[in-house]
PDB file of all heavy atoms in Angstrom:
ATOM      1  N   SER A   1     -25.512  89.927 -19.367  1.00  0.00           N
ATOM      2  CA  SER A   1     -25.733  88.992 -18.261  1.00  0.00           C
ATOM      3  C   SER A   1     -27.022  89.331 -17.512  1.00  0.00           C
ATOM      4  O   SER A   1     -27.190  90.456 -17.041  1.00  0.00           O
ATOM      5  CB  SER A   1     -24.559  89.071 -17.274  1.00  0.00           C
ATOM      6  OG  SER A   1     -24.887  88.424 -16.063  1.00  0.00           O
ATOM      7  N   PRO A   2     -27.938  88.359 -17.394  1.00  0.00           N
ATOM      8  CA  PRO A   2     -29.194  88.618 -16.668  1.00  0.00           C
ATOM      9  C   PRO A   2     -28.954  89.031 -15.218  1.00  0.00           C
ATOM     10  O   PRO A   2     -29.692  89.845 -14.679  1.00  0.00           O
ATOM     11  CB  PRO A   2     -29.926  87.281 -16.743  1.00  0.00           C
ATOM     12  CG  PRO A   2     -29.332  86.575 -17.910  1.00  0.00           C
ATOM     13  CD  PRO A   2     -27.899  87.009 -17.960  1.00  0.00           C
ATOM     14  N   TYR A   3     -27.906  88.471 -14.600  1.00  0.00           N
ATOM     15  CA  TYR A   3     -27.617  88.790 -13.200  1.00  0.00           C
ATOM     16  C   TYR A   3     -27.131  90.236 -13.055  1.00  0.00           C
ATOM     17  O   TYR A   3     -27.581  90.960 -12.165  1.00  0.00           O
ATOM     18  CB  TYR A   3     -26.566  87.821 -12.649  1.00  0.00           C
ATOM     19  CG  TYR A   3     -27.005  86.378 -12.718  1.00  0.00           C
ATOM     20  CD1 TYR A   3     -26.503  85.526 -13.698  1.00  0.00           C
ATOM     21  CD2 TYR A   3     -27.936  85.870 -11.813  1.00  0.00           C
ATOM     22  CE1 TYR A   3     -26.910  84.203 -13.776  1.00  0.00           C
ATOM     23  CE2 TYR A   3     -28.354  84.542 -11.880  1.00  0.00           C
ATOM     24  CZ  TYR A   3     -27.835  83.717 -12.864  1.00  0.00           C
ATOM     25  OH  TYR A   3     -28.257  82.424 -12.937  1.00  0.00           O
ATOM     26  N   ALA A   4     -26.234  90.646 -13.944  1.00  0.00           N
ATOM     27  CA  ALA A   4     -25.720  92.013 -13.881  1.00  0.00           C
ATOM     28  C   ALA A   4     -26.809  93.031 -14.204  1.00  0.00           C
ATOM     29  O   ALA A   4     -26.952  94.046 -13.522  1.00  0.00           O
ATOM     30  CB  ALA A   4     -24.545  92.171 -14.850  1.00  0.00           C
ATOM     31  N   VAL A   5     -27.589  92.743 -15.252  1.00  0.00           N
ATOM     32  CA  VAL A   5     -28.662  93.655 -15.650  1.00  0.00           C
ATOM     33  C   VAL A   5     -29.707  93.771 -14.541  1.00  0.00           C
ATOM     34  O   VAL A   5     -30.155  94.878 -14.208  1.00  0.00           O
ATOM     35  CB  VAL A   5     -29.324  93.186 -16.962  1.00  0.00           C
ATOM     36  CG1 VAL A   5     -30.592  93.998 -17.244  1.00  0.00           C
ATOM     37  CG2 VAL A   5     -28.353  93.319 -18.124  1.00  0.00           C
ATOM     38  N   THR A   6     -30.082  92.647 -13.959  1.00  0.00           N
ATOM     39  CA  THR A   6     -31.090  92.658 -12.895  1.00  0.00           C
ATOM     40  C   THR A   6     -30.587  93.430 -11.685  1.00  0.00           C
ATOM     41  O   THR A   6     -31.333  94.211 -11.075  1.00  0.00           O
ATOM     42  CB  THR A   6     -31.465  91.223 -12.485  1.00  0.00           C
ATOM     43  OG1 THR A   6     -31.973  90.520 -13.626  1.00  0.00           O
ATOM     44  CG2 THR A   6     -32.524  91.230 -11.392  1.00  0.00           C
ATOM     45  N   LEU A   7     -29.330  93.229 -11.322  1.00  0.00           N
ATOM     46  CA  LEU A   7     -28.752  93.939 -10.181  1.00  0.00           C
ATOM     47  C   LEU A   7     -28.759  95.444 -10.403  1.00  0.00           C
ATOM     48  O   LEU A   7     -29.174  96.218  -9.521  1.00  0.00           O
ATOM     49  CB  LEU A   7     -27.325  93.452  -9.940  1.00  0.00           C
ATOM     50  CG  LEU A   7     -26.595  94.066  -8.736  1.00  0.00           C
ATOM     51  CD1 LEU A   7     -27.326  93.728  -7.440  1.00  0.00           C
ATOM     52  CD2 LEU A   7     -25.158  93.567  -8.674  1.00  0.00           C
ATOM     53  N   LEU A   8     -28.325  95.879 -11.589  1.00  0.00           N
ATOM     54  CA  LEU A   8     -28.315  97.304 -11.903  1.00  0.00           C
ATOM     55  C   LEU A   8     -29.745  97.862 -11.972  1.00  0.00           C
ATOM     56  O   LEU A   8     -30.009  98.980 -11.512  1.00  0.00           O
ATOM     57  CB  LEU A   8     -27.590  97.545 -13.224  1.00  0.00           C
ATOM     58  CG  LEU A   8     -26.063  97.417 -13.175  1.00  0.00           C
ATOM     59  CD1 LEU A   8     -25.483  97.460 -14.585  1.00  0.00           C
ATOM     60  CD2 LEU A   8     -25.455  98.517 -12.317  1.00  0.00           C
ATOM     61  N   TYR A   9     -30.638  97.089 -12.557  1.00  0.00           N
ATOM     62  CA  TYR A   9     -32.041  97.507 -12.652  1.00  0.00           C
ATOM     63  C   TYR A   9     -32.636  97.724 -11.261  1.00  0.00           C
ATOM     64  O   TYR A   9     -33.295  98.745 -11.011  1.00  0.00           O
ATOM     65  CB  TYR A   9     -32.831  96.461 -13.416  1.00  0.00           C
ATOM     66  CG  TYR A   9     -34.335  96.612 -13.304  1.00  0.00           C
ATOM     67  CD1 TYR A   9     -35.009  97.629 -13.978  1.00  0.00           C
ATOM     68  CD2 TYR A   9     -35.075  95.745 -12.488  1.00  0.00           C
ATOM     69  CE1 TYR A   9     -36.384  97.773 -13.857  1.00  0.00           C
ATOM     70  CE2 TYR A   9     -36.446  95.881 -12.379  1.00  0.00           C
ATOM     71  CZ  TYR A   9     -37.100  96.893 -13.054  1.00  0.00           C
ATOM     72  OH  TYR A   9     -38.453  97.025 -12.914  1.00  0.00           O
ATOM     73  N   VAL A  10     -32.420  96.773 -10.368  1.00  0.00           N
ATOM     74  CA  VAL A  10     -32.959  96.880  -9.009  1.00  0.00           C
ATOM     75  C   VAL A  10     -32.402  98.117  -8.311  1.00  0.00           C
ATOM     76  O   VAL A  10     -33.135  98.847  -7.626  1.00  0.00           O
ATOM     77  CB  VAL A  10     -32.643  95.603  -8.197  1.00  0.00           C
ATOM     78  CG1 VAL A  10     -32.953  95.803  -6.717  1.00  0.00           C
ATOM     79  CG2 VAL A  10     -33.442  94.417  -8.739  1.00  0.00           C
ATOM     80  N   ALA A  11     -31.112  98.372  -8.505  1.00  0.00           N
ATOM     81  CA  ALA A  11     -30.481  99.527  -7.860  1.00  0.00           C
ATOM     82  C   ALA A  11     -31.047 100.837  -8.388  1.00  0.00           C
ATOM     83  O   ALA A  11     -31.446 101.720  -7.611  1.00  0.00           O
ATOM     84  CB  ALA A  11     -28.966  99.472  -8.077  1.00  0.00           C
ATOM     85  N   VAL A  12     -31.111 100.991  -9.709  1.00  0.00           N
ATOM     86  CA  VAL A  12     -31.569 102.256 -10.300  1.00  0.00           C
ATOM     87  C   VAL A  12     -33.072 102.444 -10.106  1.00  0.00           C
ATOM     88  O   VAL A  12     -33.535 103.539  -9.759  1.00  0.00           O
ATOM     89  CB  VAL A  12     -31.199 102.321 -11.799  1.00  0.00           C
ATOM     90  CG1 VAL A  12     -31.702 103.626 -12.414  1.00  0.00           C
ATOM     91  CG2 VAL A  12     -29.696 102.206 -11.978  1.00  0.00           C
ATOM     92  N   ALA A  13     -33.840 101.377 -10.323  1.00  0.00           N
ATOM     93  CA  ALA A  13     -35.291 101.462 -10.111  1.00  0.00           C
ATOM     94  C   ALA A  13     -35.597 101.726  -8.643  1.00  0.00           C
ATOM     95  O   ALA A  13     -36.554 102.444  -8.316  1.00  0.00           O
ATOM     96  CB  ALA A  13     -35.968 100.173 -10.570  1.00  0.00           C
ATOM     97  N   GLY A  14     -34.779 101.179  -7.755  1.00  0.00           N
ATOM     98  CA  GLY A  14     -34.964 101.431  -6.326  1.00  0.00           C
ATOM     99  C   GLY A  14     -34.769 102.898  -5.979  1.00  0.00           C
ATOM    100  O   GLY A  14     -35.503 103.461  -5.158  1.00  0.00           O
ATOM    101  N   VAL A  15     -33.788 103.525  -6.610  1.00  0.00           N
ATOM    102  CA  VAL A  15     -33.565 104.963  -6.400  1.00  0.00           C
ATOM    103  C   VAL A  15     -34.769 105.764  -6.891  1.00  0.00           C
ATOM    104  O   VAL A  15     -35.217 106.724  -6.236  1.00  0.00           O
ATOM    105  CB  VAL A  15     -32.283 105.425  -7.120  1.00  0.00           C
ATOM    106  CG1 VAL A  15     -32.168 106.950  -7.107  1.00  0.00           C
ATOM    107  CG2 VAL A  15     -31.056 104.793  -6.473  1.00  0.00           C
ATOM    108  N   TYR A  16     -35.312 105.375  -8.046  1.00  0.00           N
ATOM    109  CA  TYR A  16     -36.495 106.067  -8.582  1.00  0.00           C
ATOM    110  C   TYR A  16     -37.678 105.941  -7.619  1.00  0.00           C
ATOM    111  O   TYR A  16     -38.347 106.931  -7.299  1.00  0.00           O
ATOM    112  CB  TYR A  16     -36.867 105.484  -9.951  1.00  0.00           C
ATOM    113  CG  TYR A  16     -38.204 105.972 -10.460  1.00  0.00           C
ATOM    114  CD1 TYR A  16     -38.323 107.226 -11.062  1.00  0.00           C
ATOM    115  CD2 TYR A  16     -39.363 105.198 -10.314  1.00  0.00           C
ATOM    116  CE1 TYR A  16     -39.550 107.693 -11.501  1.00  0.00           C
ATOM    117  CE2 TYR A  16     -40.591 105.656 -10.757  1.00  0.00           C
ATOM    118  CZ  TYR A  16     -40.691 106.902 -11.341  1.00  0.00           C
ATOM    119  OH  TYR A  16     -41.912 107.359 -11.776  1.00  0.00           O
ATOM    120  N   VAL A  17     -37.928 104.727  -7.145  1.00  0.00           N
ATOM    121  CA  VAL A  17     -39.054 104.493  -6.226  1.00  0.00           C
ATOM    122  C   VAL A  17     -38.871 105.290  -4.941  1.00  0.00           C
ATOM    123  O   VAL A  17     -39.823 105.906  -4.431  1.00  0.00           O
ATOM    124  CB  VAL A  17     -39.191 102.985  -5.909  1.00  0.00           C
ATOM    125  CG1 VAL A  17     -40.152 102.756  -4.743  1.00  0.00           C
ATOM    126  CG2 VAL A  17     -39.676 102.229  -7.132  1.00  0.00           C
ATOM    127  N   TYR A  18     -37.654 105.302  -4.425  1.00  0.00           N
ATOM    128  CA  TYR A  18     -37.382 106.052  -3.184  1.00  0.00           C
ATOM    129  C   TYR A  18     -37.650 107.541  -3.382  1.00  0.00           C
ATOM    130  O   TYR A  18     -38.263 108.195  -2.543  1.00  0.00           O
ATOM    131  CB  TYR A  18     -35.933 105.823  -2.753  1.00  0.00           C
ATOM    132  CG  TYR A  18     -35.543 106.604  -1.517  1.00  0.00           C
ATOM    133  CD1 TYR A  18     -35.938 106.173  -0.251  1.00  0.00           C
ATOM    134  CD2 TYR A  18     -34.789 107.777  -1.623  1.00  0.00           C
ATOM    135  CE1 TYR A  18     -35.592 106.890   0.884  1.00  0.00           C
ATOM    136  CE2 TYR A  18     -34.440 108.505  -0.496  1.00  0.00           C
ATOM    137  CZ  TYR A  18     -34.843 108.062   0.754  1.00  0.00           C
ATOM    138  OH  TYR A  18     -34.510 108.779   1.877  1.00  0.00           O
ATOM    139  N   GLY A  19     -37.197 108.065  -4.521  1.00  0.00           N
ATOM    140  CA  GLY A  19     -37.414 109.479  -4.799  1.00  0.00           C
ATOM    141  C   GLY A  19     -38.884 109.840  -4.915  1.00  0.00           C
ATOM    142  O   GLY A  19     -39.334 110.853  -4.359  1.00  0.00           O
ATOM    143  N   ILE A  20     -39.644 109.008  -5.625  1.00  0.00           N
ATOM    144  CA  ILE A  20     -41.078 109.263  -5.772  1.00  0.00           C
ATOM    145  C   ILE A  20     -41.793 109.135  -4.429  1.00  0.00           C
ATOM    146  O   ILE A  20     -42.703 109.917  -4.111  1.00  0.00           O
ATOM    147  CB  ILE A  20     -41.695 108.302  -6.814  1.00  0.00           C
ATOM    148  CG1 ILE A  20     -41.109 108.558  -8.209  1.00  0.00           C
ATOM    149  CG2 ILE A  20     -43.214 108.458  -6.853  1.00  0.00           C
ATOM    150  CD1 ILE A  20     -41.423 109.922  -8.778  1.00  0.00           C
ATOM    151  N   TYR A  21     -41.371 108.171  -3.628  1.00  0.00           N
ATOM    152  CA  TYR A  21     -42.014 107.979  -2.322  1.00  0.00           C
ATOM    153  C   TYR A  21     -41.770 109.180  -1.407  1.00  0.00           C
ATOM    154  O   TYR A  21     -42.692 109.636  -0.707  1.00  0.00           O
ATOM    155  CB  TYR A  21     -41.505 106.701  -1.666  1.00  0.00           C
ATOM    156  CG  TYR A  21     -42.142 106.420  -0.329  1.00  0.00           C
ATOM    157  CD1 TYR A  21     -43.499 106.098  -0.239  1.00  0.00           C
ATOM    158  CD2 TYR A  21     -41.408 106.513   0.850  1.00  0.00           C
ATOM    159  CE1 TYR A  21     -44.106 105.865   0.989  1.00  0.00           C
ATOM    160  CE2 TYR A  21     -42.000 106.280   2.083  1.00  0.00           C
ATOM    161  CZ  TYR A  21     -43.344 105.957   2.146  1.00  0.00           C
ATOM    162  OH  TYR A  21     -43.934 105.730   3.368  1.00  0.00           O
ATOM    163  N   LYS A  22     -40.552 109.696  -1.404  1.00  0.00           N
ATOM    164  CA  LYS A  22     -40.262 110.872  -0.584  1.00  0.00           C
ATOM    165  C   LYS A  22     -41.069 112.073  -1.077  1.00  0.00           C
ATOM    166  O   LYS A  22     -41.522 112.903  -0.272  1.00  0.00           O
ATOM    167  CB  LYS A  22     -38.762 111.186  -0.623  1.00  0.00           C
ATOM    168  CG  LYS A  22     -37.885 110.097  -0.044  1.00  0.00           C
ATOM    169  CD  LYS A  22     -38.221 109.779   1.408  1.00  0.00           C
ATOM    170  CE  LYS A  22     -37.797 110.878   2.344  1.00  0.00           C
ATOM    171  NZ  LYS A  22     -38.011 110.525   3.772  1.00  0.00           N
ATOM    172  N   TRP A  23     -41.243 112.175  -2.367  1.00  0.00           N
ATOM    173  CA  TRP A  23     -42.071 113.230  -2.957  1.00  0.00           C
ATOM    174  C   TRP A  23     -43.518 113.072  -2.505  1.00  0.00           C
ATOM    175  O   TRP A  23     -44.157 114.038  -2.083  1.00  0.00           O
ATOM    176  CB  TRP A  23     -41.950 113.147  -4.485  1.00  0.00           C
ATOM    177  CG  TRP A  23     -42.715 114.191  -5.255  1.00  0.00           C
ATOM    178  CD1 TRP A  23     -43.353 115.284  -4.762  1.00  0.00           C
ATOM    179  CD2 TRP A  23     -42.913 114.223  -6.675  1.00  0.00           C
ATOM    180  NE1 TRP A  23     -43.956 115.997  -5.783  1.00  0.00           N
ATOM    181  CE2 TRP A  23     -43.687 115.374  -6.962  1.00  0.00           C
ATOM    182  CE3 TRP A  23     -42.508 113.396  -7.724  1.00  0.00           C
ATOM    183  CZ2 TRP A  23     -44.078 115.690  -8.266  1.00  0.00           C
ATOM    184  CZ3 TRP A  23     -42.882 113.719  -9.017  1.00  0.00           C
ATOM    185  CH2 TRP A  23     -43.658 114.859  -9.285  1.00  0.00           C
ATOM    186  N   TYR A  24     -44.020 111.863  -2.553  1.00  0.00           N
ATOM    187  CA  TYR A  24     -45.389 111.572  -2.134  1.00  0.00           C
ATOM    188  C   TYR A  24     -45.606 111.946  -0.671  1.00  0.00           C
ATOM    189  O   TYR A  24     -46.665 112.473  -0.296  1.00  0.00           O
ATOM    190  CB  TYR A  24     -45.677 110.085  -2.356  1.00  0.00           C
ATOM    191  CG  TYR A  24     -46.892 109.561  -1.632  1.00  0.00           C
ATOM    192  CD1 TYR A  24     -48.187 109.866  -2.069  1.00  0.00           C
ATOM    193  CD2 TYR A  24     -46.760 108.749  -0.504  1.00  0.00           C
ATOM    194  CE1 TYR A  24     -49.301 109.385  -1.404  1.00  0.00           C
ATOM    195  CE2 TYR A  24     -47.876 108.254   0.162  1.00  0.00           C
ATOM    196  CZ  TYR A  24     -49.138 108.581  -0.285  1.00  0.00           C
ATOM    197  OH  TYR A  24     -50.245 108.101   0.373  1.00  0.00           O
ATOM    198  N   GLN A  25     -44.610 111.698   0.164  1.00  0.00           N
ATOM    199  CA  GLN A  25     -44.744 111.937   1.597  1.00  0.00           C
ATOM    200  C   GLN A  25     -44.790 113.418   1.967  1.00  0.00           C
ATOM    201  O   GLN A  25     -45.153 113.753   3.094  1.00  0.00           O
ATOM    202  CB  GLN A  25     -43.580 111.278   2.348  1.00  0.00           C
ATOM    203  CG  GLN A  25     -43.719 109.775   2.496  1.00  0.00           C
ATOM    204  CD  GLN A  25     -42.645 109.230   3.423  1.00  0.00           C
ATOM    205  OE1 GLN A  25     -41.469 109.549   3.277  1.00  0.00           O
ATOM    206  NE2 GLN A  25     -43.041 108.420   4.380  1.00  0.00           N
ATOM    207  N   LYS A  26     -44.437 114.293   1.060  1.00  0.00           N
ATOM    208  CA  LYS A  26     -44.361 115.723   1.375  1.00  0.00           C
ATOM    209  C   LYS A  26     -45.722 116.368   1.582  1.00  0.00           C
ATOM    210  O   LYS A  26     -45.819 117.465   2.127  1.00  0.00           O
ATOM    211  CB  LYS A  26     -43.604 116.462   0.268  1.00  0.00           C
ATOM    212  CG  LYS A  26     -42.103 116.199   0.268  1.00  0.00           C
ATOM    213  CD  LYS A  26     -41.382 117.043  -0.758  1.00  0.00           C
ATOM    214  CE  LYS A  26     -39.881 116.834  -0.702  1.00  0.00           C
ATOM    215  NZ  LYS A  26     -39.161 117.674  -1.695  1.00  0.00           N
ATOM    216  N   GLY A  27     -46.786 115.725   1.115  1.00  0.00           N
ATOM    217  CA  GLY A  27     -48.121 116.297   1.266  1.00  0.00           C
ATOM    218  C   GLY A  27     -49.068 115.313   1.922  1.00  0.00           C
ATOM    219  O   GLY A  27     -49.055 114.126   1.592  1.00  0.00           O
ATOM    220  N   PRO A  28     -49.900 115.769   2.865  1.00  0.00           N
ATOM    221  CA  PRO A  28     -50.830 114.869   3.550  1.00  0.00           C
ATOM    222  C   PRO A  28     -52.044 114.535   2.687  1.00  0.00           C
ATOM    223  O   PRO A  28     -52.450 115.305   1.822  1.00  0.00           O
ATOM    224  CB  PRO A  28     -51.251 115.681   4.780  1.00  0.00           C
ATOM    225  CG  PRO A  28     -51.157 117.106   4.314  1.00  0.00           C
ATOM    226  CD  PRO A  28     -49.991 117.146   3.363  1.00  0.00           C
ATOM    227  N   VAL A  29     -52.592 113.360   2.914  1.00  0.00           N
ATOM    228  CA  VAL A  29     -53.841 112.947   2.279  1.00  0.00           C
ATOM    229  C   VAL A  29     -54.819 112.575   3.389  1.00  0.00           C
ATOM    230  O   VAL A  29     -54.512 111.729   4.229  1.00  0.00           O
ATOM    231  CB  VAL A  29     -53.631 111.732   1.341  1.00  0.00           C
ATOM    232  CG1 VAL A  29     -54.965 111.271   0.761  1.00  0.00           C
ATOM    233  CG2 VAL A  29     -52.656 112.080   0.229  1.00  0.00           C
ATOM    234  N   HIS A  30     -55.981 113.228   3.396  1.00  0.00           N
ATOM    235  CA  HIS A  30     -56.985 112.977   4.432  1.00  0.00           C
ATOM    236  C   HIS A  30     -58.166 112.214   3.821  1.00  0.00           C
ATOM    237  O   HIS A  30     -58.758 112.661   2.847  1.00  0.00           O
ATOM    238  CB  HIS A  30     -57.475 114.293   5.031  1.00  0.00           C
ATOM    239  CG  HIS A  30     -58.587 114.112   6.012  1.00  0.00           C
ATOM    240  ND1 HIS A  30     -58.395 113.576   7.271  1.00  0.00           N
ATOM    241  CD2 HIS A  30     -59.919 114.387   5.920  1.00  0.00           C
ATOM    242  CE1 HIS A  30     -59.549 113.523   7.908  1.00  0.00           C
ATOM    243  NE2 HIS A  30     -60.491 114.019   7.106  1.00  0.00           N
ATOM    244  N   ILE A  31     -58.483 111.078   4.422  1.00  0.00           N
ATOM    245  CA  ILE A  31     -59.580 110.242   3.919  1.00  0.00           C
ATOM    246  C   ILE A  31     -60.525 109.929   5.074  1.00  0.00           C
ATOM    247  O   ILE A  31     -60.140 109.251   6.032  1.00  0.00           O
ATOM    248  CB  ILE A  31     -59.055 108.925   3.296  1.00  0.00           C
ATOM    249  CG1 ILE A  31     -58.045 109.218   2.189  1.00  0.00           C
ATOM    250  CG2 ILE A  31     -60.215 108.091   2.747  1.00  0.00           C
ATOM    251  CD1 ILE A  31     -57.336 107.989   1.656  1.00  0.00           C
ATOM    252  N   GLU A  32     -61.743 110.438   4.987  1.00  0.00           N
ATOM    253  CA  GLU A  32     -62.749 110.182   6.013  1.00  0.00           C
ATOM    254  C   GLU A  32     -63.261 108.747   5.919  1.00  0.00           C
ATOM    255  O   GLU A  32     -63.264 108.132   4.851  1.00  0.00           O
ATOM    256  CB  GLU A  32     -63.929 111.144   5.851  1.00  0.00           C
ATOM    257  CG  GLU A  32     -63.659 112.553   6.321  1.00  0.00           C
ATOM    258  CD  GLU A  32     -63.613 112.677   7.838  1.00  0.00           C
ATOM    259  OE1 GLU A  32     -64.260 111.849   8.533  1.00  0.00           O
ATOM    260  OE2 GLU A  32     -62.931 113.593   8.321  1.00  0.00           O
ATOM    261  N   LYS A  33     -63.709 108.226   7.059  1.00  0.00           N
ATOM    262  CA  LYS A  33     -64.324 106.909   7.082  1.00  0.00           C
ATOM    263  C   LYS A  33     -65.657 106.947   6.337  1.00  0.00           C
ATOM    264  O   LYS A  33     -66.431 107.885   6.470  1.00  0.00           O
ATOM    265  CB  LYS A  33     -64.568 106.455   8.524  1.00  0.00           C
ATOM    266  CG  LYS A  33     -63.363 105.831   9.197  1.00  0.00           C
ATOM    267  CD  LYS A  33     -63.039 104.469   8.592  1.00  0.00           C
ATOM    268  CE  LYS A  33     -61.853 103.828   9.301  1.00  0.00           C
ATOM    269  NZ  LYS A  33     -61.492 102.540   8.670  1.00  0.00           N
ATOM    270  N   SER A  34     -65.893 105.908   5.539  1.00  0.00           N
ATOM    271  CA  SER A  34     -67.152 105.819   4.799  1.00  0.00           C
ATOM    272  C   SER A  34     -67.432 104.349   4.535  1.00  0.00           C
ATOM    273  O   SER A  34     -66.678 103.466   4.961  1.00  0.00           O
ATOM    274  CB  SER A  34     -67.054 106.575   3.466  1.00  0.00           C
ATOM    275  OG  SER A  34     -66.150 105.920   2.589  1.00  0.00           O
ATOM    276  N   GLY A  35     -68.505 104.087   3.806  1.00  0.00           N
ATOM    277  CA  GLY A  35     -68.827 102.716   3.463  1.00  0.00           C
ATOM    278  C   GLY A  35     -67.772 102.066   2.592  1.00  0.00           C
ATOM    279  O   GLY A  35     -67.668 100.835   2.534  1.00  0.00           O
ATOM    280  N   PHE A  36     -66.980 102.892   1.913  1.00  0.00           N
ATOM    281  CA  PHE A  36     -65.942 102.356   1.026  1.00  0.00           C
ATOM    282  C   PHE A  36     -64.735 101.808   1.787  1.00  0.00           C
ATOM    283  O   PHE A  36     -64.053 100.912   1.311  1.00  0.00           O
ATOM    284  CB  PHE A  36     -65.468 103.435   0.049  1.00  0.00           C
ATOM    285  CG  PHE A  36     -66.485 103.809  -0.985  1.00  0.00           C
ATOM    286  CD1 PHE A  36     -67.004 105.098  -1.027  1.00  0.00           C
ATOM    287  CD2 PHE A  36     -66.925 102.880  -1.931  1.00  0.00           C
ATOM    288  CE1 PHE A  36     -67.939 105.455  -1.988  1.00  0.00           C
ATOM    289  CE2 PHE A  36     -67.859 103.238  -2.885  1.00  0.00           C
ATOM    290  CZ  PHE A  36     -68.366 104.523  -2.918  1.00  0.00           C
ATOM    291  N   ASN A  37     -64.447 102.380   2.945  1.00  0.00           N
ATOM    292  CA  ASN A  37     -63.243 101.966   3.664  1.00  0.00           C
ATOM    293  C   ASN A  37     -63.511 101.517   5.099  1.00  0.00           C
ATOM    294  O   ASN A  37     -62.604 101.477   5.923  1.00  0.00           O
ATOM    295  CB  ASN A  37     -62.207 103.100   3.658  1.00  0.00           C
ATOM    296  CG  ASN A  37     -62.738 104.384   4.280  1.00  0.00           C
ATOM    297  OD1 ASN A  37     -63.853 104.426   4.776  1.00  0.00           O
ATOM    298  ND2 ASN A  37     -61.931 105.438   4.248  1.00  0.00           N
TER     299      ASN A  37
END
């Protein structure tokens, strides 16, 4: 069922994204102002 598969996919992929995002947040990134930004 496309509905069941999509629902499960969103749930599991959402957990993956949340985990990676929390991992990303553990370290700071410093970007100075320049012509690029």
